[in-house]
Amino acid sequence: MKKDILTVGNEHVGAVQSINKDLVTKALNMRCSSYLAHIKSKLLTETIFEIDNSKKDLCKINEKITNQRDTIAKQKLELEKAHKQLHKEIAERRKLETQLLHSQKMESLGTLAGGIAHEFNNILTFTQGYTELLMNKHIEGSDEWKLLKQIYAGGERAVNLVGQILMFSSFDPTQLKPVDLNTEVNEGLIMVKAGLPENVEIQSALLEGCAYIMADTSLIHQMILNLCINAYQAMKGNTGILKVNLDRLEKCPQDLCMENKSCFKLTVEDNGCGIPEEDQRRIFDPFFTTKGVGKGIGLGLAVVHGIVEKHQGKIIVESKINVGTTVTVFLPILATDGDQKPEELV
């Protein structure tokens, strides 16, 4: 009986110990699990924190890279702008050098031609005078009188040629006075219309009101005549349209390098044969002409260029073969003080 009790007791103790062991094991497992979860949570938190810091560092790096790219882009734009400005300044300098060389060449030619023209003019004075005396000694309409008339007419053409040549060497600024460009252009066109055939139509559009400039009226008339005659000759006898327009510009084109902010723009346009591109750089040279022998002496545009320069203006020629030519003249507007009228400056 005692043995059975001991056996049962031992079994009971063994069972209790087994239960306790299981409980301890479970408790240890739970504690280990809790500790491991705590460690995992801590590691995860630290990892996330490090990742966040890395992201912030990456954002800062990206921001620096973006800023550097923006800086590089700005510097690139500034360099491109400076490069364009440099090219523009070089082009302007070359243009000014070309203009200076042309002016010096024109001045030298003017001095030389002026000296020769004065001497030639003296000879023509005697020739024309004696020819006129001889004409008076013959009956008008006789054969001798007709021959002398031809000599006198040839002399008159030579006198006109000398007059054009002298424009290169003589210019008196005291002859400048306030004139209405509208009026002078209109008077010039009246003279032009009288000498043009009916198959050439003149279309003019002038300004309303007065357009005052400081000018020599005779030179302005000569400029209009030369430009219109050149345009007519470019039509080679064909039916054509000659357009003459006068506009006011409140701001002159920058590439003209004119001191005045405002100017008048005179354009003479034809639908003639045009000027070859290789000849356009020489069209203002004295005695250069694209016309045939006996059809021109090459002083028309040269004289116009001289007149425009003497009036502190600029001239531009644009031309295309079989399309036509447009000559644009820019002349400075007469500046007045307050309510002062231009005619009061005379």
C-alpha atoms as a PDB file:
ATOM      1  CA  MET A   1       0.000   0.000   0.000  1.00  0.00           C
ATOM      2  CA  LYS A   2       2.853   2.279   0.954  1.00  0.00           C
ATOM      3  CA  LYS A   3       4.589   1.410  -2.287  1.00  0.00           C
ATOM      4  CA  ASP A   4       1.605   2.384  -4.289  1.00  0.00           C
ATOM      5  CA  ILE A   5       1.324   5.665  -2.474  1.00  0.00           C
ATOM      6  CA  LEU A   6       4.997   6.440  -3.123  1.00  0.00           C
ATOM      7  CA  THR A   7       4.669   5.448  -6.707  1.00  0.00           C
ATOM      8  CA  VAL A   8       1.665   7.709  -7.171  1.00  0.00           C
ATOM      9  CA  GLY A   9       3.434  10.499  -5.316  1.00  0.00           C
ATOM     10  CA  ASN A  10       6.484  10.180  -7.490  1.00  0.00           C
ATOM     11  CA  GLU A  11       4.355  10.154 -10.563  1.00  0.00           C
ATOM     12  CA  HIS A  12       2.501  13.205  -9.294  1.00  0.00           C
ATOM     13  CA  VAL A  13       5.767  14.974  -8.540  1.00  0.00           C
ATOM     14  CA  GLY A  14       7.069  13.996 -11.964  1.00  0.00           C
ATOM     15  CA  ALA A  15       3.931  15.325 -13.575  1.00  0.00           C
ATOM     16  CA  VAL A  16       4.208  18.575 -11.622  1.00  0.00           C
ATOM     17  CA  GLN A  17       7.844  18.900 -12.549  1.00  0.00           C
ATOM     18  CA  SER A  18       6.973  18.218 -16.183  1.00  0.00           C
ATOM     19  CA  ILE A  19       4.239  20.867 -16.027  1.00  0.00           C
ATOM     20  CA  ASN A  20       6.589  23.330 -14.373  1.00  0.00           C
ATOM     21  CA  LYS A  21       9.229  22.571 -16.935  1.00  0.00           C
ATOM     22  CA  ASP A  22       6.745  23.206 -19.725  1.00  0.00           C
ATOM     23  CA  LEU A  23       5.629  26.429 -18.063  1.00  0.00           C
ATOM     24  CA  VAL A  24       9.231  27.538 -17.601  1.00  0.00           C
ATOM     25  CA  THR A  25       9.968  26.644 -21.207  1.00  0.00           C
ATOM     26  CA  LYS A  26       6.915  28.552 -22.383  1.00  0.00           C
ATOM     27  CA  ALA A  27       7.819  31.462 -20.161  1.00  0.00           C
ATOM     28  CA  LEU A  28      11.373  31.460 -21.497  1.00  0.00           C
ATOM     29  CA  ASN A  29      10.097  31.184 -25.072  1.00  0.00           C
ATOM     30  CA  MET A  30       7.692  34.037 -24.511  1.00  0.00           C
ATOM     31  CA  ARG A  31      10.432  36.140 -22.937  1.00  0.00           C
ATOM     32  CA  CYS A  32      12.832  35.292 -25.734  1.00  0.00           C
ATOM     33  CA  SER A  33      10.147  36.103 -28.288  1.00  0.00           C
ATOM     34  CA  SER A  34       9.431  39.408 -26.557  1.00  0.00           C
ATOM     35  CA  TYR A  35      13.126  40.214 -26.378  1.00  0.00           C
ATOM     36  CA  LEU A  36      13.631  39.264 -29.999  1.00  0.00           C
ATOM     37  CA  ALA A  37      10.615  41.371 -31.005  1.00  0.00           C
ATOM     38  CA  HIS A  38      12.060  44.255 -29.011  1.00  0.00           C
ATOM     39  CA  ILE A  39      15.440  43.840 -30.692  1.00  0.00           C
ATOM     40  CA  LYS A  40      13.792  43.576 -34.122  1.00  0.00           C
ATOM     41  CA  SER A  41      11.727  46.677 -33.434  1.00  0.00           C
ATOM     42  CA  LYS A  42      14.789  48.558 -32.244  1.00  0.00           C
ATOM     43  CA  LEU A  43      16.847  47.434 -35.239  1.00  0.00           C
ATOM     44  CA  LEU A  44      13.977  48.286 -37.572  1.00  0.00           C
ATOM     45  CA  THR A  45      13.621  51.725 -35.994  1.00  0.00           C
ATOM     46  CA  GLU A  46      17.334  52.366 -36.253  1.00  0.00           C
ATOM     47  CA  THR A  47      17.354  51.113 -39.861  1.00  0.00           C
ATOM     48  CA  ILE A  48      14.414  53.337 -40.775  1.00  0.00           C
ATOM     49  CA  PHE A  49      16.136  56.278 -39.065  1.00  0.00           C
ATOM     50  CA  GLU A  50      19.321  55.608 -40.989  1.00  0.00           C
ATOM     51  CA  ILE A  51      17.340  55.244 -44.218  1.00  0.00           C
ATOM     52  CA  ASP A  52      15.578  58.557 -43.495  1.00  0.00           C
ATOM     53  CA  ASN A  53      18.934  60.200 -42.860  1.00  0.00           C
ATOM     54  CA  SER A  54      20.297  58.695 -46.057  1.00  0.00           C
ATOM     55  CA  LYS A  55      17.251  59.962 -47.935  1.00  0.00           C
ATOM     56  CA  LYS A  56      17.803  63.428 -46.487  1.00  0.00           C
ATOM     57  CA  ASP A  57      21.464  63.265 -47.479  1.00  0.00           C
ATOM     58  CA  LEU A  58      20.471  62.123 -50.961  1.00  0.00           C
ATOM     59  CA  CYS A  59      17.942  64.959 -51.205  1.00  0.00           C
ATOM     60  CA  LYS A  60      20.640  67.438 -50.187  1.00  0.00           C
ATOM     61  CA  ILE A  61      23.017  65.940 -52.746  1.00  0.00           C
ATOM     62  CA  ASN A  62      20.294  66.079 -55.419  1.00  0.00           C
ATOM     63  CA  GLU A  63      19.549  69.676 -54.466  1.00  0.00           C
ATOM     64  CA  LYS A  64      23.242  70.564 -54.748  1.00  0.00           C
ATOM     65  CA  ILE A  65      23.427  68.796 -58.124  1.00  0.00           C
ATOM     66  CA  THR A  66      20.295  70.662 -59.303  1.00  0.00           C
ATOM     67  CA  ASN A  67      21.740  73.974 -58.110  1.00  0.00           C
ATOM     68  CA  GLN A  68      25.003  73.208 -59.841  1.00  0.00           C
ATOM     69  CA  ARG A  69      23.126  72.319 -63.036  1.00  0.00           C
ATOM     70  CA  ASP A  70      21.167  75.572 -62.814  1.00  0.00           C
ATOM     71  CA  THR A  71      24.395  77.476 -62.245  1.00  0.00           C
ATOM     72  CA  ILE A  72      26.048  75.718 -65.185  1.00  0.00           C
ATOM     73  CA  ALA A  73      22.979  76.395 -67.369  1.00  0.00           C
ATOM     74  CA  LYS A  74      23.033  80.104 -66.400  1.00  0.00           C
ATOM     75  CA  GLN A  75      26.756  80.308 -67.060  1.00  0.00           C
ATOM     76  CA  LYS A  76      26.215  78.585 -70.418  1.00  0.00           C
ATOM     77  CA  LEU A  77      23.496  81.077 -71.334  1.00  0.00           C
ATOM     78  CA  GLU A  78      25.717  83.966 -70.268  1.00  0.00           C
ATOM     79  CA  LEU A  79      28.581  82.554 -72.338  1.00  0.00           C
ATOM     80  CA  GLU A  80      26.308  82.118 -75.370  1.00  0.00           C
ATOM     81  CA  LYS A  81      25.016  85.660 -74.896  1.00  0.00           C
ATOM     82  CA  ALA A  82      28.554  87.001 -74.561  1.00  0.00           C
ATOM     83  CA  HIS A  83      29.583  84.984 -77.637  1.00  0.00           C
ATOM     84  CA  LYS A  84      26.716  86.448 -79.691  1.00  0.00           C
ATOM     85  CA  GLN A  85      27.493  89.943 -78.400  1.00  0.00           C
ATOM     86  CA  LEU A  86      31.149  89.481 -79.319  1.00  0.00           C
ATOM     87  CA  HIS A  87      30.221  88.347 -82.836  1.00  0.00           C
ATOM     88  CA  LYS A  88      27.840  91.299 -83.130  1.00  0.00           C
ATOM     89  CA  GLU A  89      30.521  93.758 -81.986  1.00  0.00           C
ATOM     90  CA  ILE A  90      33.052  92.212 -84.382  1.00  0.00           C
ATOM     91  CA  ALA A  91      30.524  92.472 -87.242  1.00  0.00           C
ATOM     92  CA  GLU A  92      29.743  96.096 -86.316  1.00  0.00           C
ATOM     93  CA  ARG A  93      33.438  96.908 -86.099  1.00  0.00           C
ATOM     94  CA  ARG A  94      34.092  95.360 -89.508  1.00  0.00           C
ATOM     95  CA  LYS A  95      31.117  97.262 -90.893  1.00  0.00           C
ATOM     96  CA  LEU A  96      32.442 100.531 -89.443  1.00  0.00           C
ATOM     97  CA  GLU A  97      35.921  99.785 -90.802  1.00  0.00           C
ATOM     98  CA  THR A  98      34.400  99.138 -94.234  1.00  0.00           C
ATOM     99  CA  GLN A  99      32.444 102.387 -94.025  1.00  0.00           C
ATOM    100  CA  LEU A 100      35.571 104.262 -92.940  1.00  0.00           C
ATOM    101  CA  LEU A 101      37.614 102.820 -95.817  1.00  0.00           C
ATOM    102  CA  HIS A 102      34.812 103.655 -98.234  1.00  0.00           C
ATOM    103  CA  SER A 103      34.589 107.206 -96.876  1.00  0.00           C
ATOM    104  CA  GLN A 104      38.353 107.657 -97.183  1.00  0.00           C
ATOM    105  CA  LYS A 105      38.272 106.290-100.720  1.00  0.00           C
ATOM    106  CA  MET A 106      35.387 108.579-101.637  1.00  0.00           C
ATOM    107  CA  GLU A 107      37.190 111.539-100.089  1.00  0.00           C
ATOM    108  CA  SER A 108      40.366 110.804-102.068  1.00  0.00           C
ATOM    109  CA  LEU A 109      38.390 110.312-105.286  1.00  0.00           C
ATOM    110  CA  GLY A 110      36.442 113.480-104.577  1.00  0.00           C
ATOM    111  CA  THR A 111      39.607 115.515-104.093  1.00  0.00           C
ATOM    112  CA  LEU A 112      41.156 114.137-107.269  1.00  0.00           C
ATOM    113  CA  ALA A 113      37.967 114.415-109.341  1.00  0.00           C
ATOM    114  CA  GLY A 114      37.270 117.885-107.966  1.00  0.00           C
ATOM    115  CA  GLY A 115      40.632 119.217-109.087  1.00  0.00           C
ATOM    116  CA  ILE A 116      40.248 117.727-112.540  1.00  0.00           C
ATOM    117  CA  ALA A 117      36.632 118.897-112.807  1.00  0.00           C
ATOM    118  CA  HIS A 118      37.519 122.498-111.957  1.00  0.00           C
ATOM    119  CA  GLU A 119      40.143 122.587-114.685  1.00  0.00           C
ATOM    120  CA  PHE A 120      37.817 120.884-117.146  1.00  0.00           C
ATOM    121  CA  ASN A 121      35.037 123.299-116.236  1.00  0.00           C
ATOM    122  CA  ASN A 122      37.292 126.248-117.082  1.00  0.00           C
ATOM    123  CA  ILE A 123      37.968 124.731-120.510  1.00  0.00           C
ATOM    124  CA  LEU A 124      34.253 124.102-121.074  1.00  0.00           C
ATOM    125  CA  THR A 125      33.448 127.715-120.206  1.00  0.00           C
ATOM    126  CA  PHE A 126      35.616 128.944-123.086  1.00  0.00           C
ATOM    127  CA  THR A 127      34.334 126.214-125.440  1.00  0.00           C
ATOM    128  CA  GLN A 128      30.685 126.931-124.724  1.00  0.00           C
ATOM    129  CA  GLY A 129      31.193 130.677-124.931  1.00  0.00           C
ATOM    130  CA  TYR A 130      32.935 130.623-128.308  1.00  0.00           C
ATOM    131  CA  THR A 131      30.458 128.058-129.655  1.00  0.00           C
ATOM    132  CA  GLU A 132      27.580 130.340-128.682  1.00  0.00           C
ATOM    133  CA  LEU A 133      29.298 133.307-130.387  1.00  0.00           C
ATOM    134  CA  LEU A 134      29.712 131.269-133.572  1.00  0.00           C
ATOM    135  CA  MET A 135      26.047 130.207-133.438  1.00  0.00           C
ATOM    136  CA  ASN A 136      25.032 133.870-133.304  1.00  0.00           C
ATOM    137  CA  LYS A 137      26.967 134.490-136.539  1.00  0.00           C
ATOM    138  CA  HIS A 138      24.965 131.888-138.465  1.00  0.00           C
ATOM    139  CA  ILE A 139      21.339 131.767-139.422  1.00  0.00           C
ATOM    140  CA  GLU A 140      19.304 129.619-137.040  1.00  0.00           C
ATOM    141  CA  GLY A 141      18.405 126.343-138.749  1.00  0.00           C
ATOM    142  CA  SER A 142      21.273 126.405-141.239  1.00  0.00           C
ATOM    143  CA  ASP A 143      23.597 123.426-141.571  1.00  0.00           C
ATOM    144  CA  GLU A 144      26.441 125.279-139.835  1.00  0.00           C
ATOM    145  CA  TRP A 145      24.128 126.375-137.014  1.00  0.00           C
ATOM    146  CA  LYS A 146      22.902 122.778-136.513  1.00  0.00           C
ATOM    147  CA  LEU A 147      26.459 121.471-136.254  1.00  0.00           C
ATOM    148  CA  LEU A 148      27.344 124.174-133.747  1.00  0.00           C
ATOM    149  CA  LYS A 149      24.146 123.333-131.821  1.00  0.00           C
ATOM    150  CA  GLN A 150      25.300 119.716-131.541  1.00  0.00           C
ATOM    151  CA  ILE A 151      28.663 120.892-130.211  1.00  0.00           C
ATOM    152  CA  TYR A 152      26.915 123.172-127.709  1.00  0.00           C
ATOM    153  CA  ALA A 153      24.578 120.352-126.574  1.00  0.00           C
ATOM    154  CA  GLY A 154      27.578 118.049-126.057  1.00  0.00           C
ATOM    155  CA  GLY A 155      29.212 120.771-124.015  1.00  0.00           C
ATOM    156  CA  GLU A 156      26.089 121.116-121.856  1.00  0.00           C
ATOM    157  CA  ARG A 157      26.182 117.389-121.115  1.00  0.00           C
ATOM    158  CA  ALA A 158      29.826 117.746-120.140  1.00  0.00           C
ATOM    159  CA  VAL A 159      28.940 120.672-117.868  1.00  0.00           C
ATOM    160  CA  ASN A 160      26.260 118.558-116.151  1.00  0.00           C
ATOM    161  CA  LEU A 161      28.779 115.730-115.713  1.00  0.00           C
ATOM    162  CA  VAL A 162      31.294 118.132-114.178  1.00  0.00           C
ATOM    163  CA  GLY A 163      28.584 119.398-111.848  1.00  0.00           C
ATOM    164  CA  GLN A 164      27.938 115.877-110.579  1.00  0.00           C
ATOM    165  CA  ILE A 165      31.654 115.219-110.113  1.00  0.00           C
ATOM    166  CA  LEU A 166      32.017 118.414-108.092  1.00  0.00           C
ATOM    167  CA  MET A 167      29.436 117.128-105.627  1.00  0.00           C
ATOM    168  CA  PHE A 168      32.121 114.769-104.295  1.00  0.00           C
ATOM    169  CA  SER A 169      34.558 117.544-103.450  1.00  0.00           C
ATOM    170  CA  SER A 170      32.449 120.556-102.532  1.00  0.00           C
ATOM    171  CA  PHE A 171      29.753 120.865 -99.923  1.00  0.00           C
ATOM    172  CA  ASP A 172      28.820 124.041 -98.079  1.00  0.00           C
ATOM    173  CA  PRO A 173      26.952 123.228 -94.817  1.00  0.00           C
ATOM    174  CA  THR A 174      25.712 126.846 -94.671  1.00  0.00           C
ATOM    175  CA  GLN A 175      23.388 125.962 -97.582  1.00  0.00           C
ATOM    176  CA  LEU A 176      21.423 123.680 -95.283  1.00  0.00           C
ATOM    177  CA  LYS A 177      18.101 125.043 -94.079  1.00  0.00           C
ATOM    178  CA  PRO A 178      14.839 123.645 -92.696  1.00  0.00           C
ATOM    179  CA  VAL A 179      12.854 122.226 -95.608  1.00  0.00           C
ATOM    180  CA  ASP A 180       9.714 120.139 -95.869  1.00  0.00           C
ATOM    181  CA  LEU A 181      10.767 116.759 -97.249  1.00  0.00           C
ATOM    182  CA  ASN A 182       7.193 116.113 -98.424  1.00  0.00           C
ATOM    183  CA  THR A 183       7.319 119.186-100.634  1.00  0.00           C
ATOM    184  CA  GLU A 184      10.800 118.493-101.998  1.00  0.00           C
ATOM    185  CA  VAL A 185      10.004 114.866-102.840  1.00  0.00           C
ATOM    186  CA  ASN A 186       6.763 115.920-104.521  1.00  0.00           C
ATOM    187  CA  GLU A 187       8.555 118.584-106.593  1.00  0.00           C
ATOM    188  CA  GLY A 188      11.204 116.045-107.563  1.00  0.00           C
ATOM    189  CA  LEU A 189       8.528 113.582-108.687  1.00  0.00           C
ATOM    190  CA  ILE A 190       6.908 116.276-110.857  1.00  0.00           C
ATOM    191  CA  MET A 191      10.221 116.669-112.691  1.00  0.00           C
ATOM    192  CA  VAL A 192      10.576 112.880-112.961  1.00  0.00           C
ATOM    193  CA  LYS A 193       7.071 112.366-114.373  1.00  0.00           C
ATOM    194  CA  ALA A 194       7.780 114.900-117.120  1.00  0.00           C
ATOM    195  CA  GLY A 195      10.644 112.767-118.430  1.00  0.00           C
ATOM    196  CA  LEU A 196       9.197 109.254-118.076  1.00  0.00           C
ATOM    197  CA  PRO A 197       7.200 107.421-120.778  1.00  0.00           C
ATOM    198  CA  GLU A 198       3.558 106.525-120.259  1.00  0.00           C
ATOM    199  CA  ASN A 199       4.296 102.816-119.728  1.00  0.00           C
ATOM    200  CA  VAL A 200       5.968 103.589-116.386  1.00  0.00           C
ATOM    201  CA  GLU A 201       3.515 104.246-113.551  1.00  0.00           C
ATOM    202  CA  ILE A 202       4.605 106.234-110.497  1.00  0.00           C
ATOM    203  CA  GLN A 203       2.865 105.350-107.230  1.00  0.00           C
ATOM    204  CA  SER A 204       3.676 107.704-104.363  1.00  0.00           C
ATOM    205  CA  ALA A 205       2.601 107.698-100.718  1.00  0.00           C
ATOM    206  CA  LEU A 206       3.880 110.695 -98.769  1.00  0.00           C
ATOM    207  CA  LEU A 207       3.264 111.856 -95.216  1.00  0.00           C
ATOM    208  CA  GLU A 208       0.375 113.999 -94.106  1.00  0.00           C
ATOM    209  CA  GLY A 209       1.497 117.389 -92.863  1.00  0.00           C
ATOM    210  CA  CYS A 210       5.058 118.687 -92.803  1.00  0.00           C
ATOM    211  CA  ALA A 211       8.226 116.609 -92.604  1.00  0.00           C
ATOM    212  CA  TYR A 212      11.047 118.991 -91.777  1.00  0.00           C
ATOM    213  CA  ILE A 213      14.740 118.183 -92.179  1.00  0.00           C
ATOM    214  CA  MET A 214      17.912 120.256 -92.524  1.00  0.00           C
ATOM    215  CA  ALA A 215      18.767 119.994 -96.209  1.00  0.00           C
ATOM    216  CA  ASP A 216      19.894 121.624 -99.434  1.00  0.00           C
ATOM    217  CA  THR A 217      16.812 121.610-101.692  1.00  0.00           C
ATOM    218  CA  SER A 218      18.815 121.311-104.922  1.00  0.00           C
ATOM    219  CA  LEU A 219      20.628 118.238-103.590  1.00  0.00           C
ATOM    220  CA  ILE A 220      17.367 116.612-102.463  1.00  0.00           C
ATOM    221  CA  HIS A 221      15.932 117.171-105.947  1.00  0.00           C
ATOM    222  CA  GLN A 222      19.088 115.682-107.469  1.00  0.00           C
ATOM    223  CA  MET A 223      18.771 112.633-105.176  1.00  0.00           C
ATOM    224  CA  ILE A 224      15.134 112.027-106.189  1.00  0.00           C
ATOM    225  CA  LEU A 225      15.961 112.430-109.886  1.00  0.00           C
ATOM    226  CA  ASN A 226      18.926 110.040-109.760  1.00  0.00           C
ATOM    227  CA  LEU A 227      17.027 107.352-107.833  1.00  0.00           C
ATOM    228  CA  CYS A 228      13.988 107.490-110.127  1.00  0.00           C
ATOM    229  CA  ILE A 229      16.056 107.585-113.316  1.00  0.00           C
ATOM    230  CA  ASN A 230      18.049 104.570-112.113  1.00  0.00           C
ATOM    231  CA  ALA A 231      14.790 102.738-111.352  1.00  0.00           C
ATOM    232  CA  TYR A 232      13.376 103.572-114.797  1.00  0.00           C
ATOM    233  CA  GLN A 233      16.541 102.433-116.556  1.00  0.00           C
ATOM    234  CA  ALA A 234      16.381  99.123-114.641  1.00  0.00           C
ATOM    235  CA  MET A 235      13.012  98.456-116.315  1.00  0.00           C
ATOM    236  CA  LYS A 236      14.778  98.564-119.714  1.00  0.00           C
ATOM    237  CA  GLY A 237      11.859 100.162-121.514  1.00  0.00           C
ATOM    238  CA  ASN A 238       9.311  97.650-120.264  1.00  0.00           C
ATOM    239  CA  THR A 239       6.034  98.472-118.562  1.00  0.00           C
ATOM    240  CA  GLY A 240       6.760  98.946-114.887  1.00  0.00           C
ATOM    241  CA  ILE A 241       5.738 100.455-111.569  1.00  0.00           C
ATOM    242  CA  LEU A 242       7.896 102.947-109.685  1.00  0.00           C
ATOM    243  CA  LYS A 243       6.906 103.250-106.013  1.00  0.00           C
ATOM    244  CA  VAL A 244       8.026 106.197-103.875  1.00  0.00           C
ATOM    245  CA  ASN A 245       7.050 106.136-100.184  1.00  0.00           C
ATOM    246  CA  LEU A 246       7.872 108.459 -97.290  1.00  0.00           C
ATOM    247  CA  ASP A 247       7.397 107.312 -93.687  1.00  0.00           C
ATOM    248  CA  ARG A 248       8.346 108.563 -90.245  1.00  0.00           C
ATOM    249  CA  LEU A 249      10.193 106.249 -87.837  1.00  0.00           C
ATOM    250  CA  GLU A 250      10.113 107.141 -84.151  1.00  0.00           C
ATOM    251  CA  LYS A 251      13.173 104.944 -83.647  1.00  0.00           C
ATOM    252  CA  CYS A 252      15.872 104.434 -86.254  1.00  0.00           C
ATOM    253  CA  PRO A 253      17.184 100.889 -86.849  1.00  0.00           C
ATOM    254  CA  GLN A 254      20.093 100.215 -84.462  1.00  0.00           C
ATOM    255  CA  ASP A 255      22.427  98.867 -87.139  1.00  0.00           C
ATOM    256  CA  LEU A 256      22.383 102.254 -88.912  1.00  0.00           C
ATOM    257  CA  CYS A 257      24.297 103.888 -86.006  1.00  0.00           C
ATOM    258  CA  MET A 258      22.414 107.179 -86.426  1.00  0.00           C
ATOM    259  CA  GLU A 259      22.573 109.640 -83.531  1.00  0.00           C
ATOM    260  CA  ASN A 260      18.961 110.764 -83.963  1.00  0.00           C
ATOM    261  CA  LYS A 261      16.373 108.497 -82.386  1.00  0.00           C
ATOM    262  CA  SER A 262      13.755 109.371 -85.003  1.00  0.00           C
ATOM    263  CA  CYS A 263      14.105 109.758 -88.766  1.00  0.00           C
ATOM    264  CA  PHE A 264      12.302 109.855 -92.096  1.00  0.00           C
ATOM    265  CA  LYS A 265      12.392 106.773 -94.303  1.00  0.00           C
ATOM    266  CA  LEU A 266      12.279 107.364 -98.064  1.00  0.00           C
ATOM    267  CA  THR A 267      11.971 104.280-100.290  1.00  0.00           C
ATOM    268  CA  VAL A 268      12.188 104.092-104.074  1.00  0.00           C
ATOM    269  CA  GLU A 269      11.158 100.675-105.400  1.00  0.00           C
ATOM    270  CA  ASP A 270      11.073  99.306-108.920  1.00  0.00           C
ATOM    271  CA  ASN A 271      10.212  95.965-110.549  1.00  0.00           C
ATOM    272  CA  GLY A 272      13.129  96.049-112.958  1.00  0.00           C
ATOM    273  CA  CYS A 273      15.934  93.626-113.751  1.00  0.00           C
ATOM    274  CA  GLY A 274      17.650  93.844-110.357  1.00  0.00           C
ATOM    275  CA  ILE A 275      21.347  94.062-109.469  1.00  0.00           C
ATOM    276  CA  PRO A 276      23.602  90.961-109.381  1.00  0.00           C
ATOM    277  CA  GLU A 277      24.683  90.076-105.847  1.00  0.00           C
ATOM    278  CA  GLU A 278      28.389  90.309-106.704  1.00  0.00           C
ATOM    279  CA  ASP A 279      27.889  93.894-107.934  1.00  0.00           C
ATOM    280  CA  GLN A 280      25.879  95.174-104.973  1.00  0.00           C
ATOM    281  CA  ARG A 281      28.968  95.933-102.857  1.00  0.00           C
ATOM    282  CA  ARG A 282      30.270  98.296-105.555  1.00  0.00           C
ATOM    283  CA  ILE A 283      27.115 100.166-106.538  1.00  0.00           C
ATOM    284  CA  PHE A 284      28.175 103.323-104.664  1.00  0.00           C
ATOM    285  CA  ASP A 285      31.634 103.443-106.237  1.00  0.00           C
ATOM    286  CA  PRO A 286      32.092 106.368-108.639  1.00  0.00           C
ATOM    287  CA  PHE A 287      32.037 105.410-112.338  1.00  0.00           C
ATOM    288  CA  PHE A 288      30.913 101.833-111.592  1.00  0.00           C
ATOM    289  CA  THR A 289      27.943 100.808-113.726  1.00  0.00           C
ATOM    290  CA  THR A 290      26.211  97.588-114.760  1.00  0.00           C
ATOM    291  CA  LYS A 291      24.733  99.285-117.838  1.00  0.00           C
ATOM    292  CA  GLY A 292      26.185  98.856-121.289  1.00  0.00           C
ATOM    293  CA  VAL A 293      28.619 101.222-122.976  1.00  0.00           C
ATOM    294  CA  GLY A 294      27.071 104.627-123.601  1.00  0.00           C
ATOM    295  CA  LYS A 295      24.094 103.956-121.307  1.00  0.00           C
ATOM    296  CA  GLY A 296      25.539 105.285-118.062  1.00  0.00           C
ATOM    297  CA  ILE A 297      28.666 106.754-116.495  1.00  0.00           C
ATOM    298  CA  GLY A 298      28.263 105.210-113.028  1.00  0.00           C
ATOM    299  CA  LEU A 299      27.688 108.408-111.041  1.00  0.00           C
ATOM    300  CA  GLY A 300      23.959 108.110-110.277  1.00  0.00           C
ATOM    301  CA  LEU A 301      24.065 106.144-107.015  1.00  0.00           C
ATOM    302  CA  ALA A 302      27.509 107.494-106.127  1.00  0.00           C
ATOM    303  CA  VAL A 303      26.085 111.020-106.154  1.00  0.00           C
ATOM    304  CA  VAL A 304      23.044 109.881-104.139  1.00  0.00           C
ATOM    305  CA  HIS A 305      25.329 108.251-101.574  1.00  0.00           C
ATOM    306  CA  GLY A 306      27.330 111.468-101.277  1.00  0.00           C
ATOM    307  CA  ILE A 307      24.171 113.558-100.838  1.00  0.00           C
ATOM    308  CA  VAL A 308      22.802 111.239 -98.150  1.00  0.00           C
ATOM    309  CA  GLU A 309      26.106 111.228 -96.249  1.00  0.00           C
ATOM    310  CA  LYS A 310      26.302 115.024 -96.386  1.00  0.00           C
ATOM    311  CA  HIS A 311      22.846 115.182 -94.807  1.00  0.00           C
ATOM    312  CA  GLN A 312      23.984 112.821 -91.996  1.00  0.00           C
ATOM    313  CA  GLY A 313      21.735 110.064 -93.294  1.00  0.00           C
ATOM    314  CA  LYS A 314      22.108 106.437 -94.340  1.00  0.00           C
ATOM    315  CA  ILE A 315      21.248 104.554 -97.520  1.00  0.00           C
ATOM    316  CA  ILE A 316      20.512 100.841 -98.033  1.00  0.00           C
ATOM    317  CA  VAL A 317      19.996  98.974-101.319  1.00  0.00           C
ATOM    318  CA  GLU A 318      18.191  95.623-101.542  1.00  0.00           C
ATOM    319  CA  SER A 319      17.900  93.891-104.897  1.00  0.00           C
ATOM    320  CA  LYS A 320      16.983  90.556-106.467  1.00  0.00           C
ATOM    321  CA  ILE A 321      17.511  89.525-110.049  1.00  0.00           C
ATOM    322  CA  ASN A 322      14.316  89.714-112.161  1.00  0.00           C
ATOM    323  CA  VAL A 323      12.373  90.915-109.101  1.00  0.00           C
ATOM    324  CA  GLY A 324      13.463  94.495-108.627  1.00  0.00           C
ATOM    325  CA  THR A 325      15.397  96.903-106.434  1.00  0.00           C
ATOM    326  CA  THR A 326      14.469  98.883-103.336  1.00  0.00           C
ATOM    327  CA  VAL A 327      16.586 101.852-102.271  1.00  0.00           C
ATOM    328  CA  THR A 328      15.903 103.091 -98.728  1.00  0.00           C
ATOM    329  CA  VAL A 329      17.174 106.455 -97.503  1.00  0.00           C
ATOM    330  CA  PHE A 330      17.084 107.427 -93.819  1.00  0.00           C
ATOM    331  CA  LEU A 331      17.298 111.157 -93.031  1.00  0.00           C
ATOM    332  CA  PRO A 332      17.347 112.628 -89.502  1.00  0.00           C
ATOM    333  CA  ILE A 333      14.292 114.604 -88.409  1.00  0.00           C
ATOM    334  CA  LEU A 334      14.879 118.254 -87.617  1.00  0.00           C
ATOM    335  CA  ALA A 335      14.932 118.658 -83.839  1.00  0.00           C
ATOM    336  CA  THR A 336      13.278 121.784 -82.400  1.00  0.00           C
ATOM    337  CA  ASP A 337      13.053 123.160 -78.870  1.00  0.00           C
ATOM    338  CA  GLY A 338       9.567 123.225 -77.417  1.00  0.00           C
ATOM    339  CA  ASP A 339       7.060 125.127 -79.533  1.00  0.00           C
ATOM    340  CA  GLN A 340       9.701 126.529 -81.866  1.00  0.00           C
ATOM    341  CA  LYS A 341       8.703 126.150 -85.511  1.00  0.00           C
ATOM    342  CA  PRO A 342      11.251 124.702 -87.981  1.00  0.00           C
ATOM    343  CA  GLU A 343      11.019 127.738 -90.261  1.00  0.00           C
ATOM    344  CA  GLU A 344      12.119 129.930 -87.358  1.00  0.00           C
ATOM    345  CA  LEU A 345      15.530 128.218 -87.408  1.00  0.00           C
ATOM    346  CA  VAL A 346      16.388 129.723 -90.780  1.00  0.00           C
END
